[in-house]
N, C-alpha and C. Protein backbone atom coordinates (compact mmCIF):
# COMPACT_ATOMS: atom_id res chain seq x y z
N UNK A 1 32.07 61.29 -39.54
CA UNK A 1 33.69 60.50 -39.43
C UNK A 1 33.27 59.51 -38.47
N UNK A 2 34.27 58.41 -38.27
CA UNK A 2 34.13 57.59 -37.06
C UNK A 2 34.32 57.91 -36.08
N UNK A 3 33.91 57.57 -34.73
CA UNK A 3 34.46 58.30 -33.70
C UNK A 3 35.69 57.26 -33.34
N UNK A 4 36.60 58.00 -32.97
CA UNK A 4 38.06 57.37 -33.11
C UNK A 4 38.24 55.86 -32.02
N UNK A 5 37.11 55.65 -30.98
CA UNK A 5 37.27 55.00 -30.43
C UNK A 5 36.49 53.66 -30.81
N UNK A 6 35.39 53.97 -31.85
CA UNK A 6 34.65 52.88 -32.62
C UNK A 6 35.47 52.49 -33.23
N UNK A 7 36.80 52.76 -34.52
CA UNK A 7 37.16 52.62 -35.50
C UNK A 7 37.92 51.17 -35.22
N UNK A 8 38.79 51.03 -34.36
CA UNK A 8 39.15 49.69 -33.78
C UNK A 8 38.15 48.85 -33.56
N UNK A 9 37.26 48.85 -33.17
CA UNK A 9 35.92 47.36 -32.95
C UNK A 9 35.59 47.67 -34.02
N UNK A 10 35.40 48.27 -35.06
CA UNK A 10 34.48 47.88 -36.37
C UNK A 10 35.72 47.31 -37.21
N UNK A 11 36.57 47.80 -37.05
CA UNK A 11 37.80 46.93 -37.80
C UNK A 11 37.75 45.51 -37.47
N UNK A 12 37.84 45.46 -35.83
CA UNK A 12 37.72 43.98 -35.46
C UNK A 12 36.60 43.24 -35.97
N UNK A 13 35.71 43.76 -36.09
CA UNK A 13 34.59 43.10 -36.16
C UNK A 13 34.65 42.58 -38.17
N UNK A 14 35.07 43.46 -38.69
CA UNK A 14 35.00 43.13 -39.75
C UNK A 14 36.16 41.61 -39.94
N UNK A 15 37.11 41.87 -39.44
CA UNK A 15 38.05 40.79 -39.63
C UNK A 15 37.99 39.71 -38.73
N UNK A 16 36.85 39.81 -37.88
CA UNK A 16 36.48 38.24 -36.98
C UNK A 16 35.42 37.80 -38.06
N UNK A 17 34.34 38.55 -38.98
CA UNK A 17 33.81 37.85 -39.50
C UNK A 17 34.12 37.69 -40.95
N UNK A 18 35.43 38.22 -41.60
CA UNK A 18 36.05 37.68 -42.22
C UNK A 18 36.63 36.31 -42.28
N UNK A 19 37.49 36.16 -41.15
CA UNK A 19 37.50 34.71 -41.09
C UNK A 19 36.54 33.73 -40.75
N UNK A 20 35.40 34.28 -39.72
CA UNK A 20 34.22 33.17 -40.06
C UNK A 20 33.70 32.96 -41.56
N UNK A 21 33.79 33.78 -42.50
CA UNK A 21 33.45 33.48 -43.54
C UNK A 21 34.35 32.61 -44.45
N UNK A 22 35.58 32.90 -44.22
CA UNK A 22 36.18 32.09 -44.70
C UNK A 22 36.87 30.73 -44.08
N UNK A 23 36.27 30.71 -43.01
CA UNK A 23 36.42 29.13 -42.20
C UNK A 23 35.14 28.24 -42.49
N UNK A 24 34.03 29.22 -42.96
CA UNK A 24 32.99 28.45 -43.48
C UNK A 24 32.90 27.72 -45.20
N UNK A 25 33.52 28.78 -45.61
CA UNK A 25 34.18 28.01 -46.84
C UNK A 25 34.92 26.82 -47.20
N UNK A 26 35.80 26.89 -45.93
CA UNK A 26 36.75 25.93 -46.00
C UNK A 26 36.31 25.05 -45.18
N UNK A 27 35.62 24.46 -44.17
CA UNK A 27 34.48 23.59 -43.64
C UNK A 27 33.67 23.13 -44.80
N UNK A 28 32.85 23.83 -45.73
CA UNK A 28 32.02 23.34 -46.69
C UNK A 28 33.12 22.64 -47.40
N UNK A 29 33.98 22.78 -47.96
CA UNK A 29 35.00 22.12 -48.73
C UNK A 29 35.60 20.67 -48.32
N UNK A 30 35.90 20.91 -46.85
CA UNK A 30 36.22 19.79 -46.40
C UNK A 30 34.96 18.81 -46.26
N UNK A 31 33.78 19.41 -45.75
CA UNK A 31 32.30 18.35 -45.35
C UNK A 31 32.42 17.83 -46.67
N UNK A 32 32.85 18.55 -47.73
CA UNK A 32 31.92 17.61 -49.08
C UNK A 32 32.83 16.83 -49.78
N UNK A 33 34.41 17.24 -49.66
CA UNK A 33 35.19 15.95 -49.37
C UNK A 33 35.56 14.51 -48.73
N UNK A 34 34.55 14.78 -47.45
CA UNK A 34 34.39 13.76 -46.68
C UNK A 34 33.08 13.31 -47.06
N UNK A 35 32.43 13.59 -47.05
CA UNK A 35 31.31 13.12 -47.82
C UNK A 35 30.99 12.59 -48.77
N UNK A 36 32.47 12.62 -50.25
CA UNK A 36 32.48 11.81 -51.17
C UNK A 36 33.07 10.70 -51.03
N UNK A 37 33.99 10.71 -49.55
CA UNK A 37 34.38 9.52 -49.53
C UNK A 37 33.98 8.21 -48.85
N UNK A 38 32.36 8.89 -47.95
CA UNK A 38 31.17 8.22 -47.63
C UNK A 38 30.05 8.85 -48.28
N UNK A 39 29.96 7.51 -48.99
CA UNK A 39 28.78 7.79 -50.03
C UNK A 39 27.32 8.05 -49.43
N UNK A 40 27.66 6.37 -48.63
CA UNK A 40 26.14 6.33 -48.35
C UNK A 40 25.75 7.37 -47.01
N UNK A 41 26.66 8.20 -46.77
CA UNK A 41 25.73 9.63 -45.88
C UNK A 41 26.47 10.54 -46.83
N UNK A 42 25.80 10.60 -47.74
CA UNK A 42 26.20 11.85 -48.52
C UNK A 42 25.06 12.76 -48.17
N UNK A 43 23.75 11.93 -47.53
CA UNK A 43 22.38 13.39 -47.75
C UNK A 43 23.00 13.94 -46.34
N UNK A 44 23.13 13.05 -45.37
CA UNK A 44 23.23 13.52 -43.62
C UNK A 44 24.51 15.30 -43.97
N UNK A 45 25.31 14.85 -44.61
CA UNK A 45 26.70 15.56 -44.85
C UNK A 45 25.67 16.77 -45.48
N UNK A 46 25.06 16.68 -46.29
CA UNK A 46 24.52 17.94 -47.58
C UNK A 46 23.80 18.69 -46.24
N UNK A 47 22.93 17.81 -45.41
CA UNK A 47 21.64 18.23 -44.75
C UNK A 47 23.20 19.74 -43.87
N UNK A 48 23.76 19.11 -43.06
CA UNK A 48 24.92 19.33 -42.12
C UNK A 48 25.78 20.64 -42.92
N UNK A 49 26.07 20.70 -43.66
CA UNK A 49 26.64 22.03 -44.56
C UNK A 49 25.64 22.90 -45.29
N UNK A 50 24.27 22.54 -46.01
CA UNK A 50 23.03 23.64 -45.66
C UNK A 50 22.70 24.35 -44.58
N UNK A 51 23.04 23.85 -43.77
CA UNK A 51 22.98 24.18 -42.11
C UNK A 51 23.66 25.27 -41.86
N UNK A 52 25.11 24.77 -41.95
CA UNK A 52 26.27 25.71 -41.40
C UNK A 52 26.18 26.63 -42.37
N UNK A 53 26.03 26.84 -43.63
CA UNK A 53 25.81 27.60 -44.60
C UNK A 53 24.65 28.49 -44.38
N UNK A 54 23.81 28.28 -43.74
CA UNK A 54 22.73 29.10 -43.82
C UNK A 54 22.85 30.15 -42.19
N UNK A 55 23.10 29.33 -41.28
CA UNK A 55 23.67 30.14 -40.16
C UNK A 55 24.62 30.52 -40.09
N UNK A 56 25.51 30.48 -40.67
CA UNK A 56 27.18 30.74 -40.23
C UNK A 56 27.63 31.70 -41.44
N UNK A 57 28.15 30.56 -42.65
CA UNK A 57 28.46 31.34 -43.95
C UNK A 57 28.32 32.72 -44.54
N UNK A 58 26.61 32.36 -44.60
CA UNK A 58 26.14 33.41 -45.64
C UNK A 58 26.02 35.07 -44.79
N UNK A 59 25.71 34.84 -42.67
CA UNK A 59 25.82 35.99 -42.18
C UNK A 59 26.93 36.95 -42.30
N UNK A 60 27.82 35.75 -42.13
CA UNK A 60 29.05 36.19 -42.13
C UNK A 60 29.99 36.79 -43.29
N UNK A 61 29.29 36.83 -44.50
CA UNK A 61 29.82 36.98 -45.50
C UNK A 61 29.10 38.61 -45.99
N UNK A 62 27.84 38.73 -45.51
CA UNK A 62 27.19 39.74 -45.33
C UNK A 62 27.53 40.82 -44.27
N UNK A 63 28.15 40.72 -43.31
CA UNK A 63 28.57 41.11 -41.99
C UNK A 63 30.01 41.89 -42.84
N UNK A 64 30.55 41.02 -43.43
CA UNK A 64 31.97 41.21 -43.90
C UNK A 64 31.72 42.64 -44.50
N UNK A 65 30.67 42.35 -45.60
CA UNK A 65 30.60 43.57 -46.92
C UNK A 65 30.00 44.92 -45.91
N UNK A 66 28.99 44.46 -44.83
CA UNK A 66 28.32 45.84 -44.37
C UNK A 66 29.56 46.44 -43.22
N UNK A 67 30.93 45.69 -42.71
CA UNK A 67 31.73 46.22 -41.95
C UNK A 67 32.49 47.14 -42.78
N UNK A 68 32.70 46.27 -44.41
CA UNK A 68 33.43 46.95 -44.92
C UNK A 68 33.28 47.81 -45.43
N UNK A 69 32.18 47.87 -46.48
CA UNK A 69 31.79 49.42 -46.79
C UNK A 69 31.34 50.59 -45.65
N UNK A 70 30.80 50.09 -44.18
CA UNK A 70 30.87 51.31 -43.45
C UNK A 70 32.31 51.88 -43.20
N UNK A 71 32.98 50.89 -42.99
CA UNK A 71 34.65 51.80 -42.61
C UNK A 71 34.85 52.66 -43.96
N UNK A 72 34.98 52.00 -45.48
CA UNK A 72 35.39 52.61 -46.50
C UNK A 72 34.90 53.70 -46.73
N UNK A 73 33.26 54.04 -46.36
CA UNK A 73 32.64 55.11 -46.29
C UNK A 73 33.54 56.60 -44.98
N UNK A 74 32.95 55.92 -43.76
CA UNK A 74 33.38 56.69 -43.02
C UNK A 74 34.81 57.17 -42.93
N UNK A 75 35.42 56.62 -43.51
CA UNK A 75 37.18 57.13 -43.72
C UNK A 75 37.18 57.64 -45.40
N UNK A 76 36.09 57.32 -46.06
CA UNK A 76 36.33 58.58 -47.07
C UNK A 76 37.46 57.97 -48.47
N UNK A 77 37.21 56.37 -47.94
CA UNK A 77 38.59 55.46 -48.99
C UNK A 77 38.01 55.16 -50.15
N UNK A 78 36.85 55.34 -50.73
CA UNK A 78 36.18 54.94 -52.24
C UNK A 78 37.16 55.66 -53.29
N UNK A 79 37.96 56.84 -53.10
CA UNK A 79 38.74 57.45 -54.15
C UNK A 79 39.84 56.80 -54.33
N UNK A 80 40.06 56.23 -53.31
CA UNK A 80 41.42 55.58 -53.39
C UNK A 80 41.91 54.57 -53.99
N UNK A 81 42.76 54.51 -54.50
CA UNK A 81 43.47 53.31 -55.76
C UNK A 81 43.47 51.70 -55.12
N UNK A 82 44.12 51.86 -53.87
CA UNK A 82 44.30 50.32 -53.34
C UNK A 82 43.04 50.20 -53.23
N UNK A 83 41.95 51.06 -52.61
CA UNK A 83 40.53 50.37 -52.56
C UNK A 83 39.70 49.96 -53.88
N UNK A 84 39.96 50.99 -54.96
CA UNK A 84 39.37 50.82 -55.74
C UNK A 84 39.87 48.84 -56.79
N UNK A 85 41.44 48.50 -56.57
CA UNK A 85 41.80 47.70 -56.95
C UNK A 85 41.18 46.42 -55.79
N UNK A 86 41.02 46.79 -54.71
CA UNK A 86 40.53 45.24 -54.07
C UNK A 86 39.39 45.40 -54.19
N UNK A 87 38.41 46.02 -54.18
CA UNK A 87 37.21 45.94 -54.41
C UNK A 87 36.71 45.23 -56.14
N UNK A 88 37.52 45.06 -56.89
CA UNK A 88 37.72 44.43 -58.85
C UNK A 88 37.05 43.28 -58.08
N UNK A 89 38.12 42.30 -57.88
CA UNK A 89 38.02 41.10 -57.34
C UNK A 89 37.17 41.08 -56.47
N UNK A 90 36.89 41.60 -55.47
CA UNK A 90 35.99 40.62 -54.19
C UNK A 90 34.56 41.02 -55.01
N UNK A 91 34.67 41.94 -55.74
CA UNK A 91 32.96 42.01 -56.67
C UNK A 91 32.90 40.99 -57.51
N UNK A 92 33.99 40.69 -58.47
CA UNK A 92 34.38 39.51 -59.22
C UNK A 92 33.50 38.40 -58.61
């Protein structure tokens, strides 16, 4: 079982990483749209997007998974229907 003082910190880290992940996805979409408008600078946009994805978005996604699985296993939530329903779309 998780120490009671650690749970809010783990939950906050999970939410913060989820925000970073979603923000990275949205930033990638905006950067791709801007790159399409400026076709002569598309290579520069692709380089920036690839770097951002490698440095921010991918580690944030892995952290969301790690913190989420840690919270669910510590809370014993894998048998609950709400978590199984949530994991279906997440895994897909």
